[in-house]
Each structure stands twice: as C-alpha cells, then as structure tokens.
Amino acid sequence: MPRKEIELPYSTEYLAILDQNGVVDKELEPDLPDEFLLKLHRAMLLGRRFDERMLNLQRQGRIGTFAPIKGQEASQLGAVAVLEPSDWMVPAFRETLAEYWRGKPLESFILYYGGYDEGGLVEEGRNDLPISIPVGSQILHAAGIGMAIKYRKEPQVVMTFFGDGATSEGDFHEAMNFAGVYQAPVIFVCQNNQWAISLPRAKQTHSKTLAQKALAHDIPGIQVDGNDILAVYAAAKEAVDRARSGGGPTMIESVTYRMSLHTTADDPKKYRSEDEVKKWEEKDPISRFQIYLKEKGLLTDEGINNLEAEIENEIQEVVNTAEKRMENVDPQHIFNHIFADLPPSLIQQREELIRNLALEQKEVDNG
C-alpha cells in the first residue's frame, strides 16, 4: 500500500498587539473599559514594587527565599484578569501577582516567606490552590478540578500556571492528555521565561514553540507576547470563553523573561549574560503599557509619580502589618493542619514546646 499523508487540521498562531514601543495594533486591540485598564496598570506597578521590596527584605534576613516575578507581570496578570471569582486558579510558585489579583492579601506573602504557614492560608470562598513548589505537579491538580467541573456540569473554568521547564515533566503531558480526552475546561498557561533555573529554553526542548505541544493532545495552542498585557488578555479571554462554552481546554505559551533571579538562592550571572538581560529590559511590560495608556490620555507622568508614592506607602503598611503579626504568632500553630490526629511523637514535642514557652514566660515575668 502506498504511503498516505494524514490530514491534521492543526496550526499554532503567534499573537502580539502592543509592541515594545507601546504602539498598538488597532485592529486587534481589545475593547476594555478605561477603569479596568488603569486597574491593570496599578496592579502591575504594585506587583513590581512589592517584588523589589521583598527582595530587599530577603537580603536583610527578614524573610526567606522566594521567587521574584520581575518582568512577568503582564504574563500572569493578563491571563488571570479574565477569570470570574467563581473560577479556579492553580498557581506554581511565581504567581504572586496572580494570587494578589485573586484576593490574597499582600502581607500573607511576607508571612509565608518569613516561615509562617499562616501566610499560605487560602481564605474561605477563594477558589485557588496554594502555591506548588514541585515543578509541574500542580498541572495535574488543575486537570482534576476541570474534570470535576465538567462532571458536575458547572459553569466554571480552571486556569493553571507553570514555567517552560514544566513542559519537560511527565505531569504536564499527563494533565494535557486527560484534559484533552475529557474536554475539561482548563486553560494551561505556560510562562516561558526562557530559563528553567540555569537551563536555557534552547536546551529544554527541540520544539520550535512550546505551544505546539498542545497539538499532540488535540488541544488548541497559541503563543503570545507575554510582555504584552493586551495580547495575553485577548488570548486568555478566547480560551476562557471556549472552555466555559464546552469547547474544552487551551494551552497558552506566554513568551516572557525572568529579569531577576530564579529564586533568591540563585545567581543568574553565572549562566546568562548581561546583554541578554538588557535586551529583554527593552521589552519591559510595564513601560510599554504606560506609553499605551498615555497615548489614550489615561495616564500622565505626574499621575505615575503620585501612584508610585501611594504604592510605596501601601507596601510599607503591609510590611509593618506582616511583621507585627509575625511577632504575635502562637508557635503551637506549627502542629495544626497536618494530621487529623497527632501521632505520639508530635504530641510529645508539642507538650515539650508548651513547657518551654511557659518557662520562658516565667523568666520574663520575674525580670
């Protein structure tokens, strides 16, 4: 029998709307209310400044290791801003801004990275999962939530975030396969920041794009300029609308760049050049969005300066609140929320801690 070509109706598109100079494609520009655009801008700027403040706190020894988001503000905010409060969001470990947009208090991040598990609490009514440190493991959880949503015939969708390194994990392909088979309402958002710690994207996969990996599972895949918040929003809106209407999952590859450290335990100067960083700094998602807003008459330099001062004060209040809470946390809390019934070894440790705390308090009272 002769060989026959199998016709496959697959293709992968690239979407960009707002270029690095702030010039917008009017035909593709989404029609968003002015108030919403300004809300996005404020959140992006707050995310950047809070990230910088947390880095200072870590260097001062006031919190522990965390994963900075600098450069990836548009990549995560443009996607998560499409969701309804009733939808689900499943983060990895670098979605600070996405979690904040979904309602997580800023002081919770300082608490969490300061070693207090109270900071990891997901408040009642917020359909979000906690951060996930093991690379790619949360993608399976998102697929499971999506399958449950479809089984229950609920009108929700679930969005999960992961990095380019996660696409090399089996969990990624297993989750994509299940979501494809069951047509679960899942939006897979890959934040391709070019580096899986010290491994460059070129050594991660031979595929021309990461978005095309969705095609093997018969899932639509699109690549977007991840530093263009309008493009990310437009792609996410299309994916969410499709999922909500029963059209199944979508993968979005958001091409962005990690301008800062992988985590605060990392030194990127050992594996990437300053020239590469400077090249990507010219594509900064915040500065281009500010140019766009100025052109629309929604923002001025004076307005930006005032907003910077307002955000600085807000962040200082957050730091003060978080550090005050850390001073008043009950150490016994470390034994809660792990076991339904504490094993004897932990009961013994808890009793020992209670005795030691009582002795310390007695010494303080006696001067």
Foldseek 3Di string as FASTA:
>chain_A
DDDDDDDDPDDAAEDDAAFLQLDGDVVLFDDDDLVVLVVLLLLLVLLQVLLVVVLVCCVVVQFHKAFGCFWQSLLQCLQLVLFDQPAEEEEAGHNVSSVVVNPQDSLLVSCVRRPHCVSQDDDPSGRYHGHHHPALPRLQVQLVVQLVCVVVVHLYAYEYEHELLSLLDPSNVVSLQSQLVSLGRYEYEYAHQQDPQQDGSVNRDVDPDSQCVSVVNVAAGYEYASLANSRSNVVSNVSNVCSSVSNGYYYYYHYIHDLDHRMSVGDNVVRDDPVVSVVRVSSRSNVSSQVNCVVVVSDDPVRVVVSVVVSVVVSVVSVVVSVVVVVVDDPLCVQPPPDPDDDPVVVVVSVVVVVVVVVVVVVVVVD
